[in-house]
Amino acid sequence: MRLRQLVIATSEIEVLADKICDLFELRKTFSDPELIVFGLENVLIPLGDTFLELVTPVKENTSAERFLEKRGGDGGYMVIVDSLDLEKERKRLETSKMDIVWHENRKADGIHGQSLHLHPKQVGGAILSIDNMNPKSSWLWAGSEWEKDINKSLVSHLSGVNICSPRPDNLLSNWEKALGKKRSIGGNSIDLEGSNINFVMNTHSKSEHLSAFQICTLKSSYIQKRAVSRGFFINNNIHLGGIDFLLVE
């Protein structure tokens, strides 16, 4: 199991996508028409074979619209992990009494993609989806031609996500149950294949939310200079779409 896609909900999807792509020298690759079932439009941005997704509500009374209103602006919305055996995960969740609120089962362009969305109130901090692709190297949610839009000149892939909470240990326990993974020894994170999910203290409010995305790069200083020149460097962090982007070398 590994981190494959992180999602930001935004009210200005094209503006935010352009800012992110400009800063990190990335390219937009795909917008999924199937998301209209959730009242959403989206855009996918590949970072290697991981993805940053931006979503915006286009219908009233959607969960994303309520999220933006409650948060008072853009913010981290969803975490998607890629699993080897979705049926095994489904049975595990059933045994653990974790509710599945949506099961996507889609075939297109020779790809079979499936996802299980867990009940947000049982998990906490974000919507969690456990997905599976066949072929394994594919990612149907980004279409079938996303590899041509990969650009690793500045960043290579998403390597982690931080979730803040006034009770991070309790939240971590929820995610252990949801993912079927134990926390790192003596730590406050769950280690996945080549990635991690970190649980940090929220000292500013009682909310639980995605606070930071980790991106691997060999050019941290150069990217920071670009962020400063564009006005995206706030409180010693790159900040866009309600999320801190942490550069990891």
Protein backbone atom coordinates (compact mmCIF):
# COMPACT_ATOMS: atom_id res chain seq x y z
CA MET A 1 0.00 0.00 0.00
CA ARG A 2 1.33 3.43 -0.93
CA LEU A 3 0.27 7.04 -1.14
CA ARG A 4 -0.86 7.73 -4.70
CA GLN A 5 -2.98 10.90 -4.77
CA LEU A 6 -3.68 13.93 -2.57
CA VAL A 7 -6.65 16.22 -3.12
CA ILE A 8 -7.27 19.92 -2.51
CA ALA A 9 -10.77 21.41 -2.62
CA THR A 10 -10.73 24.92 -4.06
CA SER A 11 -13.13 27.59 -5.27
CA GLU A 12 -10.69 28.71 -8.01
CA ILE A 13 -9.51 25.53 -9.65
CA GLU A 14 -7.83 26.96 -12.76
CA VAL A 15 -6.08 29.76 -10.86
CA LEU A 16 -4.70 27.37 -8.24
CA ALA A 17 -3.70 24.76 -10.83
CA ASP A 18 -1.77 27.38 -12.79
CA LYS A 19 0.03 28.60 -9.66
CA ILE A 20 1.08 25.08 -8.64
CA CYS A 21 2.18 24.11 -12.15
CA ASP A 22 4.15 27.33 -12.55
CA LEU A 23 5.93 27.03 -9.21
CA PHE A 24 6.94 23.38 -9.51
CA GLU A 25 7.21 23.23 -13.33
CA LEU A 26 4.40 20.66 -13.56
CA ARG A 27 1.72 20.06 -16.18
CA LYS A 28 -2.03 19.51 -15.97
CA THR A 29 -2.97 16.17 -17.50
CA PHE A 30 -6.66 15.28 -17.18
CA SER A 31 -10.13 16.29 -16.00
CA ASP A 32 -12.44 13.40 -15.12
CA PRO A 33 -16.04 13.88 -16.40
CA GLU A 34 -17.24 11.07 -14.10
CA LEU A 35 -16.80 13.32 -11.04
CA ILE A 36 -20.01 15.12 -11.91
CA VAL A 37 -21.74 12.36 -9.89
CA PHE A 38 -20.28 14.12 -6.82
CA GLY A 39 -21.16 17.56 -8.20
CA LEU A 40 -17.47 18.25 -8.88
CA GLU A 41 -15.06 19.23 -11.59
CA ASN A 42 -11.39 18.38 -11.23
CA VAL A 43 -7.92 18.55 -12.69
CA LEU A 44 -5.08 16.06 -12.20
CA ILE A 45 -1.42 17.04 -12.02
CA PRO A 46 1.16 14.20 -12.14
CA LEU A 47 4.28 14.21 -9.96
CA GLY A 48 6.00 11.12 -11.32
CA ASP A 49 3.40 8.39 -10.88
CA THR A 50 1.73 10.16 -7.93
CA PHE A 51 -0.91 12.83 -8.38
CA LEU A 52 -2.14 16.11 -7.04
CA GLU A 53 -5.85 16.56 -7.67
CA LEU A 54 -7.80 19.79 -7.41
CA VAL A 55 -11.59 19.64 -7.12
CA THR A 56 -14.22 22.37 -7.15
CA PRO A 57 -18.00 22.12 -6.59
CA VAL A 58 -20.21 22.89 -9.59
CA LYS A 59 -23.50 21.90 -7.99
CA GLU A 60 -25.16 23.08 -4.80
CA ASN A 61 -25.21 21.09 -1.56
CA THR A 62 -22.16 18.95 -2.29
CA SER A 63 -19.77 17.70 0.38
CA ALA A 64 -16.95 19.77 -1.18
CA GLU A 65 -19.08 22.92 -1.06
CA ARG A 66 -19.86 22.31 2.62
CA PHE A 67 -16.17 21.65 3.27
CA LEU A 68 -15.13 24.98 1.71
CA GLU A 69 -17.79 26.87 3.67
CA LYS A 70 -16.84 25.24 6.97
CA ARG A 71 -13.12 25.76 6.41
CA GLY A 72 -13.55 29.29 5.12
CA GLY A 73 -11.46 28.67 2.01
CA ASP A 74 -9.35 26.12 0.15
CA GLY A 75 -7.89 23.12 1.93
CA GLY A 76 -6.73 19.53 1.83
CA TYR A 77 -9.73 17.32 1.15
CA MET A 78 -8.81 13.71 0.48
CA VAL A 79 -6.09 11.05 0.71
CA ILE A 80 -5.97 8.21 -1.81
CA VAL A 81 -3.80 5.14 -1.28
CA ASP A 82 -3.06 2.41 -3.81
CA SER A 83 -3.49 -1.18 -2.57
CA LEU A 84 -2.42 -4.51 -4.02
CA ASP A 85 -5.60 -6.45 -3.20
CA LEU A 86 -8.82 -4.45 -2.85
CA GLU A 87 -11.01 -7.44 -2.06
CA LYS A 88 -8.72 -8.29 0.86
CA GLU A 89 -9.00 -4.68 2.05
CA ARG A 90 -12.79 -4.75 1.70
CA LYS A 91 -13.07 -7.89 3.85
CA ARG A 92 -10.69 -6.40 6.43
CA LEU A 93 -12.77 -3.21 6.64
CA GLU A 94 -15.95 -5.25 7.00
CA THR A 95 -14.41 -7.25 9.86
CA SER A 96 -13.20 -4.02 11.49
CA LYS A 97 -16.70 -2.52 11.14
CA MET A 98 -15.40 0.38 9.05
CA ASP A 99 -18.19 1.65 6.81
CA ILE A 100 -17.65 1.98 3.06
CA VAL A 101 -19.73 4.89 1.74
CA TRP A 102 -18.78 4.60 -1.94
CA HIS A 103 -17.43 1.82 -4.15
CA GLU A 104 -16.21 2.94 -7.57
CA ASN A 105 -15.79 0.18 -10.15
CA ARG A 106 -14.84 1.50 -13.58
CA LYS A 107 -13.32 0.08 -16.74
CA ALA A 108 -11.98 2.19 -19.61
CA ASP A 109 -9.07 2.16 -22.08
CA GLY A 110 -8.04 -1.33 -20.99
CA ILE A 111 -7.79 -0.25 -17.33
CA HIS A 112 -9.85 -1.52 -14.40
CA GLY A 113 -9.96 0.96 -11.53
CA GLN A 114 -11.69 0.49 -8.19
CA SER A 115 -11.92 2.56 -5.02
CA LEU A 116 -13.43 2.27 -1.56
CA HIS A 117 -14.33 5.54 0.18
CA LEU A 118 -14.46 5.16 3.96
CA HIS A 119 -16.91 6.99 6.19
CA PRO A 120 -15.24 10.33 7.02
CA LYS A 121 -16.59 10.42 10.59
CA GLN A 122 -15.02 7.04 11.37
CA VAL A 123 -11.64 8.05 9.97
CA GLY A 124 -11.32 11.78 10.67
CA GLY A 125 -9.08 14.47 9.22
CA ALA A 126 -9.93 13.83 5.57
CA ILE A 127 -11.82 11.58 3.19
CA LEU A 128 -9.81 8.37 2.80
CA SER A 129 -10.03 6.20 -0.31
CA ILE A 130 -8.36 2.82 -0.75
CA ASP A 131 -7.91 2.08 -4.47
CA ASN A 132 -6.64 -0.57 -6.83
CA MET A 133 -5.63 -0.52 -10.50
CA ASN A 134 -5.18 -3.20 -13.13
CA PRO A 135 -2.67 -2.90 -14.77
CA LYS A 136 -0.86 -1.95 -11.59
CA SER A 137 1.17 0.83 -13.18
CA SER A 138 -1.94 2.59 -14.49
CA TRP A 139 -4.06 5.26 -12.80
CA LEU A 140 -7.48 5.47 -14.42
CA TRP A 141 -8.52 8.57 -12.46
CA ALA A 142 -5.88 10.48 -14.46
CA GLY A 143 -6.90 8.94 -17.79
CA SER A 144 -4.63 6.79 -19.92
CA GLU A 145 -2.10 9.33 -21.24
CA TRP A 146 -0.83 11.02 -18.07
CA GLU A 147 2.74 9.72 -18.45
CA LYS A 148 3.37 12.12 -21.34
CA ASP A 149 2.72 15.05 -18.97
CA ILE A 150 5.26 14.07 -16.30
CA ASN A 151 7.99 16.64 -15.71
CA LYS A 152 10.60 15.94 -13.02
CA SER A 153 12.78 18.99 -13.59
CA LEU A 154 12.07 20.29 -10.06
CA VAL A 155 10.08 17.66 -8.13
CA SER A 156 9.76 13.89 -8.42
CA HIS A 157 6.79 12.62 -6.40
CA LEU A 158 4.51 13.04 -3.40
CA SER A 159 6.08 11.30 -0.41
CA GLY A 160 3.83 12.10 2.53
CA VAL A 161 0.98 14.01 4.09
CA ASN A 162 0.54 15.66 7.50
CA ILE A 163 -2.79 15.60 9.30
CA CYS A 164 -3.25 17.88 12.29
CA SER A 165 -5.58 17.37 15.23
CA PRO A 166 -5.95 18.55 18.83
CA ARG A 167 -5.87 14.80 19.63
CA PRO A 168 -3.38 13.37 17.11
CA ASP A 169 -2.95 10.06 18.96
CA ASN A 170 -6.68 9.35 18.78
CA LEU A 171 -6.75 10.29 15.10
CA LEU A 172 -3.75 8.06 14.42
CA SER A 173 -5.60 5.13 16.02
CA ASN A 174 -8.53 5.71 13.61
CA TRP A 175 -6.21 5.63 10.61
CA GLU A 176 -4.43 2.51 11.87
CA LYS A 177 -7.80 0.77 11.84
CA ALA A 178 -8.79 2.24 8.48
CA LEU A 179 -5.55 1.26 6.73
CA GLY A 180 -4.84 -1.96 8.60
CA LYS A 181 -1.38 -0.63 9.41
CA LYS A 182 0.40 -0.07 12.72
CA ARG A 183 2.08 3.19 13.62
CA SER A 184 5.85 3.50 13.41
CA ILE A 185 7.62 2.36 16.56
CA GLY A 186 7.64 5.20 19.07
CA GLY A 187 6.40 7.57 16.39
CA ASN A 188 3.35 9.50 15.28
CA SER A 189 3.15 8.25 11.71
CA ILE A 190 2.04 5.35 9.56
CA ASP A 191 4.67 4.19 7.10
CA LEU A 192 3.52 3.09 3.66
CA GLU A 193 5.59 1.97 0.67
CA GLY A 194 7.88 4.92 -0.08
CA SER A 195 5.60 7.34 1.74
CA ASN A 196 4.12 8.17 5.13
CA ILE A 197 1.14 9.73 6.86
CA ASN A 198 2.06 11.91 9.83
CA PHE A 199 -0.18 13.02 12.67
CA VAL A 200 0.68 16.35 14.27
CA MET A 201 -0.73 18.52 17.04
CA ASN A 202 -3.12 21.31 16.10
CA THR A 203 -2.47 24.01 18.68
CA HIS A 204 -4.57 26.66 16.94
CA SER A 205 -8.06 25.13 16.83
CA LYS A 206 -10.12 22.03 17.51
CA SER A 207 -10.30 21.05 13.84
CA GLU A 208 -8.77 17.98 12.22
CA HIS A 209 -7.53 18.52 8.67
CA LEU A 210 -4.78 17.95 6.15
CA SER A 211 -2.11 20.53 6.91
CA ALA A 212 0.86 19.68 4.64
CA PHE A 213 1.88 17.69 1.58
CA GLN A 214 5.45 16.39 1.29
CA ILE A 215 7.14 16.60 -2.13
CA CYS A 216 10.50 15.04 -2.99
CA THR A 217 13.01 17.29 -4.75
CA LEU A 218 16.74 17.90 -5.19
CA LYS A 219 16.24 21.64 -5.66
CA SER A 220 14.70 22.90 -2.41
CA SER A 221 16.56 26.22 -2.31
CA TYR A 222 15.68 27.06 -5.90
CA ILE A 223 11.99 26.23 -5.38
CA GLN A 224 11.87 28.31 -2.19
CA LYS A 225 13.30 31.30 -4.08
CA ARG A 226 10.63 30.86 -6.73
CA ALA A 227 7.95 30.67 -4.03
CA VAL A 228 9.21 33.84 -2.34
CA SER A 229 9.22 35.77 -5.63
CA ARG A 230 5.62 34.69 -6.28
CA GLY A 231 4.36 35.50 -2.78
CA PHE A 232 3.74 31.86 -1.86
CA PHE A 233 6.29 31.63 0.98
CA ILE A 234 4.35 32.27 4.20
CA ASN A 235 5.56 31.62 7.77
CA ASN A 236 8.65 29.81 6.45
CA ASN A 237 6.60 27.42 4.31
CA ILE A 238 5.36 27.25 0.75
CA HIS A 239 1.61 27.75 1.11
CA LEU A 240 -0.94 27.22 -1.67
CA GLY A 241 -4.56 26.10 -1.62
CA GLY A 242 -4.69 26.07 2.17
CA ILE A 243 -1.82 23.56 2.29
CA ASP A 244 1.85 23.80 3.26
CA PHE A 245 4.09 22.14 0.67
CA LEU A 246 7.07 20.62 2.49
CA LEU A 247 10.14 19.95 0.35
CA VAL A 248 11.92 16.69 1.14
CA GLU A 249 15.39 15.87 -0.19
